[in-house]
Amino acid sequence: TASGEALPFEHTLETWLSDKDYPLYNGGNIILEY
């Protein structure tokens, strides 16, 4: 939701929860789009 970047399919969710630049937050927002 911050950068708009499409997350790579092969990455795991916990990898992005600990990302230093644009982390995902438990309880935060996420976007699904074609």
PDB file of all heavy atoms in Angstrom:
ATOM      1  N   THR A   1       0.811  -1.228   0.000  1.00  0.00           N
ATOM      2  CA  THR A   1       0.000   0.000   0.000  1.00  0.00           C
ATOM      3  C   THR A   1       0.840   1.272   0.000  1.00  0.00           C
ATOM      4  O   THR A   1       0.361   2.323  -0.416  1.00  0.00           O
ATOM      5  CB  THR A   1      -0.932   0.020   1.232  1.00  0.00           C
ATOM      6  OG1 THR A   1      -0.131  -0.131   2.413  1.00  0.00           O
ATOM      7  CG2 THR A   1      -1.941  -1.106   1.154  1.00  0.00           C
ATOM      8  N   ALA A   2       2.078   1.209   0.445  1.00  0.00           N
ATOM      9  CA  ALA A   2       2.926   2.404   0.497  1.00  0.00           C
ATOM     10  C   ALA A   2       3.642   2.644  -0.824  1.00  0.00           C
ATOM     11  O   ALA A   2       3.589   3.738  -1.390  1.00  0.00           O
ATOM     12  CB  ALA A   2       3.943   2.279   1.631  1.00  0.00           C
ATOM     13  N   SER A   3       4.309   1.612  -1.350  1.00  0.00           N
ATOM     14  CA  SER A   3       5.078   1.758  -2.584  1.00  0.00           C
ATOM     15  C   SER A   3       4.296   1.351  -3.819  1.00  0.00           C
ATOM     16  O   SER A   3       4.639   1.743  -4.931  1.00  0.00           O
ATOM     17  CB  SER A   3       6.349   0.900  -2.503  1.00  0.00           C
ATOM     18  OG  SER A   3       6.012  -0.475  -2.440  1.00  0.00           O
ATOM     19  N   GLY A   4       3.259   0.551  -3.648  1.00  0.00           N
ATOM     20  CA  GLY A   4       2.505   0.036  -4.788  1.00  0.00           C
ATOM     21  C   GLY A   4       3.167  -1.155  -5.442  1.00  0.00           C
ATOM     22  O   GLY A   4       2.674  -1.692  -6.439  1.00  0.00           O
ATOM     23  N   GLU A   5       4.295  -1.599  -4.914  1.00  0.00           N
ATOM     24  CA  GLU A   5       5.062  -2.692  -5.517  1.00  0.00           C
ATOM     25  C   GLU A   5       4.315  -4.017  -5.431  1.00  0.00           C
ATOM     26  O   GLU A   5       3.741  -4.362  -4.403  1.00  0.00           O
ATOM     27  CB  GLU A   5       6.412  -2.816  -4.821  1.00  0.00           C
ATOM     28  CG  GLU A   5       7.299  -3.902  -5.422  1.00  0.00           C
ATOM     29  CD  GLU A   5       8.624  -4.017  -4.700  1.00  0.00           C
ATOM     30  OE1 GLU A   5       8.814  -3.284  -3.704  1.00  0.00           O
ATOM     31  OE2 GLU A   5       9.463  -4.823  -5.123  1.00  0.00           O
ATOM     32  N   ALA A   6       4.330  -4.775  -6.550  1.00  0.00           N
ATOM     33  CA  ALA A   6       3.753  -6.118  -6.582  1.00  0.00           C
ATOM     34  C   ALA A   6       4.740  -7.077  -5.930  1.00  0.00           C
ATOM     35  O   ALA A   6       5.870  -7.216  -6.380  1.00  0.00           O
ATOM     36  CB  ALA A   6       3.460  -6.540  -8.016  1.00  0.00           C
ATOM     37  N   LEU A   7       4.329  -7.744  -4.872  1.00  0.00           N
ATOM     38  CA  LEU A   7       5.227  -8.620  -4.119  1.00  0.00           C
ATOM     39  C   LEU A   7       5.492  -9.902  -4.909  1.00  0.00           C
ATOM     40  O   LEU A   7       4.558 -10.496  -5.453  1.00  0.00           O
ATOM     41  CB  LEU A   7       4.614  -8.967  -2.761  1.00  0.00           C
ATOM     42  CG  LEU A   7       4.091  -7.773  -1.927  1.00  0.00           C
ATOM     43  CD1 LEU A   7       3.657  -8.266  -0.557  1.00  0.00           C
ATOM     44  CD2 LEU A   7       5.149  -6.692  -1.802  1.00  0.00           C
ATOM     45  N   PRO A   8       6.742 -10.342  -5.004  1.00  0.00           N
ATOM     46  CA  PRO A   8       7.072 -11.573  -5.744  1.00  0.00           C
ATOM     47  C   PRO A   8       6.356 -12.784  -5.174  1.00  0.00           C
ATOM     48  O   PRO A   8       6.259 -12.952  -3.959  1.00  0.00           O
ATOM     49  CB  PRO A   8       8.603 -11.693  -5.565  1.00  0.00           C
ATOM     50  CG  PRO A   8       9.061 -10.297  -5.273  1.00  0.00           C
ATOM     51  CD  PRO A   8       7.957  -9.668  -4.478  1.00  0.00           C
ATOM     52  N   PHE A   9       5.830 -13.630  -6.070  1.00  0.00           N
ATOM     53  CA  PHE A   9       5.065 -14.794  -5.645  1.00  0.00           C
ATOM     54  C   PHE A   9       5.874 -15.731  -4.764  1.00  0.00           C
ATOM     55  O   PHE A   9       5.332 -16.364  -3.853  1.00  0.00           O
ATOM     56  CB  PHE A   9       4.564 -15.580  -6.872  1.00  0.00           C
ATOM     57  CG  PHE A   9       3.459 -14.909  -7.621  1.00  0.00           C
ATOM     58  CD1 PHE A   9       3.570 -14.654  -8.971  1.00  0.00           C
ATOM     59  CD2 PHE A   9       2.292 -14.526  -6.974  1.00  0.00           C
ATOM     60  CE1 PHE A   9       2.544 -14.045  -9.683  1.00  0.00           C
ATOM     61  CE2 PHE A   9       1.259 -13.919  -7.658  1.00  0.00           C
ATOM     62  CZ  PHE A   9       1.392 -13.667  -9.030  1.00  0.00           C
ATOM     63  N   GLU A  10       7.193 -15.859  -5.023  1.00  0.00           N
ATOM     64  CA  GLU A  10       7.977 -16.857  -4.303  1.00  0.00           C
ATOM     65  C   GLU A  10       8.407 -16.414  -2.912  1.00  0.00           C
ATOM     66  O   GLU A  10       8.850 -17.245  -2.104  1.00  0.00           O
ATOM     67  CB  GLU A  10       9.212 -17.247  -5.134  1.00  0.00           C
ATOM     68  CG  GLU A  10      10.233 -16.140  -5.338  1.00  0.00           C
ATOM     69  CD  GLU A  10       9.913 -15.278  -6.555  1.00  0.00           C
ATOM     70  OE1 GLU A  10       8.778 -15.398  -7.059  1.00  0.00           O
ATOM     71  OE2 GLU A  10      10.784 -14.500  -6.977  1.00  0.00           O
ATOM     72  N   HIS A  11       8.287 -15.104  -2.592  1.00  0.00           N
ATOM     73  CA  HIS A  11       8.637 -14.637  -1.256  1.00  0.00           C
ATOM     74  C   HIS A  11       7.594 -15.123  -0.246  1.00  0.00           C
ATOM     75  O   HIS A  11       6.446 -15.379  -0.593  1.00  0.00           O
ATOM     76  CB  HIS A  11       8.700 -13.113  -1.218  1.00  0.00           C
ATOM     77  CG  HIS A  11       9.924 -12.566  -1.884  1.00  0.00           C
ATOM     78  ND1 HIS A  11      10.337 -11.260  -1.744  1.00  0.00           N
ATOM     79  CD2 HIS A  11      10.842 -13.152  -2.700  1.00  0.00           C
ATOM     80  CE1 HIS A  11      11.443 -11.067  -2.436  1.00  0.00           C
ATOM     81  NE2 HIS A  11      11.761 -12.191  -3.036  1.00  0.00           N
ATOM     82  N   THR A  12       8.000 -15.235   0.999  1.00  0.00           N
ATOM     83  CA  THR A  12       7.056 -15.607   2.053  1.00  0.00           C
ATOM     84  C   THR A  12       6.511 -14.353   2.725  1.00  0.00           C
ATOM     85  O   THR A  12       7.121 -13.285   2.666  1.00  0.00           O
ATOM     86  CB  THR A  12       7.730 -16.497   3.108  1.00  0.00           C
ATOM     87  OG1 THR A  12       8.822 -15.786   3.695  1.00  0.00           O
ATOM     88  CG2 THR A  12       8.226 -17.788   2.485  1.00  0.00           C
ATOM     89  N   LEU A  13       5.385 -14.509   3.386  1.00  0.00           N
ATOM     90  CA  LEU A  13       4.753 -13.375   4.053  1.00  0.00           C
ATOM     91  C   LEU A  13       5.627 -12.844   5.182  1.00  0.00           C
ATOM     92  O   LEU A  13       5.758 -11.627   5.371  1.00  0.00           O
ATOM     93  CB  LEU A  13       3.385 -13.805   4.586  1.00  0.00           C
ATOM     94  CG  LEU A  13       2.412 -12.691   5.005  1.00  0.00           C
ATOM     95  CD1 LEU A  13       2.167 -11.724   3.863  1.00  0.00           C
ATOM     96  CD2 LEU A  13       1.091 -13.314   5.450  1.00  0.00           C
ATOM     97  N   GLU A  14       6.261 -13.751   5.924  1.00  0.00           N
ATOM     98  CA  GLU A  14       7.080 -13.314   7.063  1.00  0.00           C
ATOM     99  C   GLU A  14       8.317 -12.534   6.598  1.00  0.00           C
ATOM    100  O   GLU A  14       8.855 -11.721   7.352  1.00  0.00           O
ATOM    101  CB  GLU A  14       7.484 -14.517   7.905  1.00  0.00           C
ATOM    102  CG  GLU A  14       8.304 -15.563   7.197  1.00  0.00           C
ATOM    103  CD  GLU A  14       8.559 -16.778   8.080  1.00  0.00           C
ATOM    104  OE1 GLU A  14       8.076 -16.802   9.225  1.00  0.00           O
ATOM    105  OE2 GLU A  14       9.246 -17.698   7.605  1.00  0.00           O
ATOM    106  N   THR A  15       8.766 -12.761   5.345  1.00  0.00           N
ATOM    107  CA  THR A  15       9.885 -11.979   4.798  1.00  0.00           C
ATOM    108  C   THR A  15       9.520 -10.509   4.717  1.00  0.00           C
ATOM    109  O   THR A  15      10.323  -9.627   5.052  1.00  0.00           O
ATOM    110  CB  THR A  15      10.270 -12.505   3.397  1.00  0.00           C
ATOM    111  OG1 THR A  15      10.676 -13.865   3.496  1.00  0.00           O
ATOM    112  CG2 THR A  15      11.413 -11.687   2.820  1.00  0.00           C
ATOM    113  N   TRP A  16       8.290 -10.232   4.305  1.00  0.00           N
ATOM    114  CA  TRP A  16       7.851  -8.831   4.159  1.00  0.00           C
ATOM    115  C   TRP A  16       7.460  -8.205   5.495  1.00  0.00           C
ATOM    116  O   TRP A  16       7.458  -6.990   5.634  1.00  0.00           O
ATOM    117  CB  TRP A  16       6.706  -8.752   3.163  1.00  0.00           C
ATOM    118  CG  TRP A  16       7.224  -8.820   1.766  1.00  0.00           C
ATOM    119  CD1 TRP A  16       7.417  -9.935   1.003  1.00  0.00           C
ATOM    120  CD2 TRP A  16       7.670  -7.725   0.978  1.00  0.00           C
ATOM    121  NE1 TRP A  16       7.952  -9.600  -0.215  1.00  0.00           N
ATOM    122  CE2 TRP A  16       8.110  -8.247  -0.255  1.00  0.00           C
ATOM    123  CE3 TRP A  16       7.744  -6.352   1.176  1.00  0.00           C
ATOM    124  CZ2 TRP A  16       8.615  -7.446  -1.275  1.00  0.00           C
ATOM    125  CZ3 TRP A  16       8.234  -5.544   0.157  1.00  0.00           C
ATOM    126  CH2 TRP A  16       8.670  -6.094  -1.052  1.00  0.00           C
ATOM    127  N   LEU A  17       7.131  -9.018   6.470  1.00  0.00           N
ATOM    128  CA  LEU A  17       6.832  -8.482   7.794  1.00  0.00           C
ATOM    129  C   LEU A  17       8.094  -7.921   8.455  1.00  0.00           C
ATOM    130  O   LEU A  17       8.015  -7.064   9.340  1.00  0.00           O
ATOM    131  CB  LEU A  17       6.225  -9.575   8.678  1.00  0.00           C
ATOM    132  CG  LEU A  17       4.822 -10.052   8.281  1.00  0.00           C
ATOM    133  CD1 LEU A  17       4.452 -11.293   9.067  1.00  0.00           C
ATOM    134  CD2 LEU A  17       3.792  -8.955   8.502  1.00  0.00           C
ATOM    135  N   SER A  18       9.256  -8.423   8.019  1.00  0.00           N
ATOM    136  CA  SER A  18      10.526  -7.958   8.592  1.00  0.00           C
ATOM    137  C   SER A  18      11.336  -7.108   7.616  1.00  0.00           C
ATOM    138  O   SER A  18      12.508  -6.847   7.867  1.00  0.00           O
ATOM    139  CB  SER A  18      11.363  -9.174   9.025  1.00  0.00           C
ATOM    140  OG  SER A  18      11.601 -10.036   7.925  1.00  0.00           O
ATOM    141  N   ASP A  19      10.716  -6.688   6.495  1.00  0.00           N
ATOM    142  CA  ASP A  19      11.430  -5.863   5.522  1.00  0.00           C
ATOM    143  C   ASP A  19      11.800  -4.503   6.137  1.00  0.00           C
ATOM    144  O   ASP A  19      10.993  -3.882   6.830  1.00  0.00           O
ATOM    145  CB  ASP A  19      10.547  -5.651   4.280  1.00  0.00           C
ATOM    146  CG  ASP A  19      11.297  -4.978   3.153  1.00  0.00           C
ATOM    147  OD1 ASP A  19      11.295  -3.725   3.100  1.00  0.00           O
ATOM    148  OD2 ASP A  19      11.907  -5.694   2.333  1.00  0.00           O
ATOM    149  N   LYS A  20      13.027  -4.050   5.885  1.00  0.00           N
ATOM    150  CA  LYS A  20      13.519  -2.819   6.519  1.00  0.00           C
ATOM    151  C   LYS A  20      12.942  -1.560   5.868  1.00  0.00           C
ATOM    152  O   LYS A  20      12.645  -0.575   6.546  1.00  0.00           O
ATOM    153  CB  LYS A  20      15.043  -2.777   6.453  1.00  0.00           C
ATOM    154  CG  LYS A  20      15.721  -3.851   7.292  1.00  0.00           C
ATOM    155  CD  LYS A  20      17.229  -3.725   7.213  1.00  0.00           C
ATOM    156  CE  LYS A  20      17.905  -4.787   8.074  1.00  0.00           C
ATOM    157  NZ  LYS A  20      19.388  -4.689   8.004  1.00  0.00           N
ATOM    158  N   ASP A  21      12.806  -1.574   4.519  1.00  0.00           N
ATOM    159  CA  ASP A  21      12.365  -0.367   3.817  1.00  0.00           C
ATOM    160  C   ASP A  21      10.844  -0.198   3.815  1.00  0.00           C
ATOM    161  O   ASP A  21      10.325   0.862   4.165  1.00  0.00           O
ATOM    162  CB  ASP A  21      12.880  -0.394   2.372  1.00  0.00           C
ATOM    163  CG  ASP A  21      14.394  -0.405   2.305  1.00  0.00           C
ATOM    164  OD1 ASP A  21      15.029   0.231   3.180  1.00  0.00           O
ATOM    165  OD2 ASP A  21      14.935  -1.054   1.382  1.00  0.00           O
ATOM    166  N   TYR A  22      10.129  -1.242   3.408  1.00  0.00           N
ATOM    167  CA  TYR A  22       8.664  -1.156   3.317  1.00  0.00           C
ATOM    168  C   TYR A  22       8.039  -2.401   3.949  1.00  0.00           C
ATOM    169  O   TYR A  22       7.548  -3.297   3.258  1.00  0.00           O
ATOM    170  CB  TYR A  22       8.227  -1.053   1.852  1.00  0.00           C
ATOM    171  CG  TYR A  22       8.555   0.261   1.212  1.00  0.00           C
ATOM    172  CD1 TYR A  22       9.709   0.397   0.439  1.00  0.00           C
ATOM    173  CD2 TYR A  22       7.741   1.369   1.386  1.00  0.00           C
ATOM    174  CE1 TYR A  22      10.031   1.605  -0.152  1.00  0.00           C
ATOM    175  CE2 TYR A  22       8.050   2.585   0.799  1.00  0.00           C
ATOM    176  CZ  TYR A  22       9.199   2.697   0.032  1.00  0.00           C
ATOM    177  OH  TYR A  22       9.505   3.899  -0.548  1.00  0.00           O
ATOM    178  N   PRO A  23       8.052  -2.494   5.267  1.00  0.00           N
ATOM    179  CA  PRO A  23       7.491  -3.690   5.919  1.00  0.00           C
ATOM    180  C   PRO A  23       5.965  -3.723   5.869  1.00  0.00           C
ATOM    181  O   PRO A  23       5.313  -2.674   5.770  1.00  0.00           O
ATOM    182  CB  PRO A  23       7.979  -3.548   7.363  1.00  0.00           C
ATOM    183  CG  PRO A  23       8.116  -2.074   7.568  1.00  0.00           C
ATOM    184  CD  PRO A  23       8.577  -1.520   6.251  1.00  0.00           C
ATOM    185  N   LEU A  24       5.425  -4.924   5.912  1.00  0.00           N
ATOM    186  CA  LEU A  24       3.991  -5.103   6.108  1.00  0.00           C
ATOM    187  C   LEU A  24       3.732  -5.216   7.604  1.00  0.00           C
ATOM    188  O   LEU A  24       4.589  -5.685   8.355  1.00  0.00           O
ATOM    189  CB  LEU A  24       3.509  -6.375   5.403  1.00  0.00           C
ATOM    190  CG  LEU A  24       3.630  -6.421   3.875  1.00  0.00           C
ATOM    191  CD1 LEU A  24       3.166  -7.777   3.360  1.00  0.00           C
ATOM    192  CD2 LEU A  24       2.827  -5.301   3.223  1.00  0.00           C
ATOM    193  N   TYR A  25       2.549  -4.772   8.034  1.00  0.00           N
ATOM    194  CA  TYR A  25       2.223  -4.800   9.456  1.00  0.00           C
ATOM    195  C   TYR A  25       1.026  -5.697   9.712  1.00  0.00           C
ATOM    196  O   TYR A  25       0.046  -5.682   8.959  1.00  0.00           O
ATOM    197  CB  TYR A  25       1.924  -3.381   9.959  1.00  0.00           C
ATOM    198  CG  TYR A  25       3.089  -2.442   9.849  1.00  0.00           C
ATOM    199  CD1 TYR A  25       3.099  -1.432   8.895  1.00  0.00           C
ATOM    200  CD2 TYR A  25       4.189  -2.569  10.703  1.00  0.00           C
ATOM    201  CE1 TYR A  25       4.175  -0.573   8.783  1.00  0.00           C
ATOM    202  CE2 TYR A  25       5.272  -1.710  10.594  1.00  0.00           C
ATOM    203  CZ  TYR A  25       5.254  -0.712   9.631  1.00  0.00           C
ATOM    204  OH  TYR A  25       6.326   0.134   9.520  1.00  0.00           O
ATOM    205  N   ASN A  26       1.115  -6.479  10.753  1.00  0.00           N
ATOM    206  CA  ASN A  26      -0.013  -7.287  11.198  1.00  0.00           C
ATOM    207  C   ASN A  26      -1.126  -6.346  11.654  1.00  0.00           C
ATOM    208  O   ASN A  26      -0.970  -5.606  12.620  1.00  0.00           O
ATOM    209  CB  ASN A  26       0.422  -8.206  12.338  1.00  0.00           C
ATOM    210  CG  ASN A  26      -0.641  -9.223  12.699  1.00  0.00           C
ATOM    211  OD1 ASN A  26      -1.632  -9.368  11.989  1.00  0.00           O
ATOM    212  ND2 ASN A  26      -0.438  -9.933  13.795  1.00  0.00           N
ATOM    213  N   GLY A  27      -2.252  -6.373  10.924  1.00  0.00           N
ATOM    214  CA  GLY A  27      -3.342  -5.437  11.188  1.00  0.00           C
ATOM    215  C   GLY A  27      -3.371  -4.296  10.187  1.00  0.00           C
ATOM    216  O   GLY A  27      -4.239  -3.430  10.264  1.00  0.00           O
ATOM    217  N   GLY A  28      -2.435  -4.295   9.228  1.00  0.00           N
ATOM    218  CA  GLY A  28      -2.364  -3.223   8.243  1.00  0.00           C
ATOM    219  C   GLY A  28      -3.197  -3.495   7.005  1.00  0.00           C
ATOM    220  O   GLY A  28      -4.059  -4.385   6.984  1.00  0.00           O
ATOM    221  N   ASN A  29      -2.911  -2.728   5.954  1.00  0.00           N
ATOM    222  CA  ASN A  29      -3.648  -2.838   4.695  1.00  0.00           C
ATOM    223  C   ASN A  29      -2.779  -3.475   3.622  1.00  0.00           C
ATOM    224  O   ASN A  29      -1.553  -3.401   3.655  1.00  0.00           O
ATOM    225  CB  ASN A  29      -4.105  -1.454   4.214  1.00  0.00           C
ATOM    226  CG  ASN A  29      -5.015  -0.766   5.204  1.00  0.00           C
ATOM    227  OD1 ASN A  29      -5.818  -1.425   5.873  1.00  0.00           O
ATOM    228  ND2 ASN A  29      -4.909   0.550   5.312  1.00  0.00           N
ATOM    229  N   ILE A  30      -3.439  -4.090   2.642  1.00  0.00           N
ATOM    230  CA  ILE A  30      -2.761  -4.694   1.500  1.00  0.00           C
ATOM    231  C   ILE A  30      -3.710  -4.596   0.300  1.00  0.00           C
ATOM    232  O   ILE A  30      -4.919  -4.512   0.466  1.00  0.00           O
ATOM    233  CB  ILE A  30      -2.366  -6.164   1.785  1.00  0.00           C
ATOM    234  CG1 ILE A  30      -1.247  -6.616   0.850  1.00  0.00           C
ATOM    235  CG2 ILE A  30      -3.558  -7.092   1.718  1.00  0.00           C
ATOM    236  CD1 ILE A  30       0.095  -6.028   1.190  1.00  0.00           C
ATOM    237  N   ILE A  31      -3.154  -4.590  -0.918  1.00  0.00           N
ATOM    238  CA  ILE A  31      -3.964  -4.400  -2.122  1.00  0.00           C
ATOM    239  C   ILE A  31      -3.895  -5.643  -3.007  1.00  0.00           C
ATOM    240  O   ILE A  31      -2.819  -6.192  -3.241  1.00  0.00           O
ATOM    241  CB  ILE A  31      -3.479  -3.174  -2.931  1.00  0.00           C
ATOM    242  CG1 ILE A  31      -3.671  -1.890  -2.128  1.00  0.00           C
ATOM    243  CG2 ILE A  31      -4.220  -3.067  -4.269  1.00  0.00           C
ATOM    244  CD1 ILE A  31      -3.052  -0.661  -2.786  1.00  0.00           C
ATOM    245  N   LEU A  32      -5.041  -6.082  -3.508  1.00  0.00           N
ATOM    246  CA  LEU A  32      -5.129  -7.121  -4.531  1.00  0.00           C
ATOM    247  C   LEU A  32      -5.564  -6.458  -5.831  1.00  0.00           C
ATOM    248  O   LEU A  32      -6.583  -5.771  -5.870  1.00  0.00           O
ATOM    249  CB  LEU A  32      -6.155  -8.191  -4.142  1.00  0.00           C
ATOM    250  CG  LEU A  32      -5.679  -9.453  -3.435  1.00  0.00           C
ATOM    251  CD1 LEU A  32      -6.866 -10.357  -3.154  1.00  0.00           C
ATOM    252  CD2 LEU A  32      -4.656 -10.201  -4.257  1.00  0.00           C
ATOM    253  N   GLU A  33      -4.803  -6.662  -6.916  1.00  0.00           N
ATOM    254  CA  GLU A  33      -5.168  -6.034  -8.186  1.00  0.00           C
ATOM    255  C   GLU A  33      -4.664  -6.875  -9.340  1.00  0.00           C
ATOM    256  O   GLU A  33      -3.666  -7.601  -9.226  1.00  0.00           O
ATOM    257  CB  GLU A  33      -4.584  -4.618  -8.279  1.00  0.00           C
ATOM    258  CG  GLU A  33      -5.036  -3.824  -9.491  1.00  0.00           C
ATOM    259  CD  GLU A  33      -6.547  -3.702  -9.581  1.00  0.00           C
ATOM    260  OE1 GLU A  33      -7.178  -4.623 -10.155  1.00  0.00           O
ATOM    261  OE2 GLU A  33      -7.113  -2.720  -9.096  1.00  0.00           O
ATOM    262  N   TYR A  34      -5.366  -6.775 -10.482  1.00  0.00           N
ATOM    263  CA  TYR A  34      -4.940  -7.458 -11.694  1.00  0.00           C
ATOM    264  C   TYR A  34      -3.930  -6.584 -12.430  1.00  0.00           C
ATOM    265  O   TYR A  34      -4.215  -5.425 -12.740  1.00  0.00           O
ATOM    266  CB  TYR A  34      -6.137  -7.736 -12.605  1.00  0.00           C
ATOM    267  CG  TYR A  34      -7.154  -8.682 -12.009  1.00  0.00           C
ATOM    268  CD1 TYR A  34      -8.338  -8.208 -11.449  1.00  0.00           C
ATOM    269  CD2 TYR A  34      -6.934 -10.055 -12.014  1.00  0.00           C
ATOM    270  CE1 TYR A  34      -9.276  -9.071 -10.908  1.00  0.00           C
ATOM    271  CE2 TYR A  34      -7.873 -10.926 -11.470  1.00  0.00           C
ATOM    272  CZ  TYR A  34      -9.034 -10.430 -10.913  1.00  0.00           C
ATOM    273  OH  TYR A  34      -9.957 -11.280 -10.380  1.00  0.00           O
TER     274      TYR A  34
END
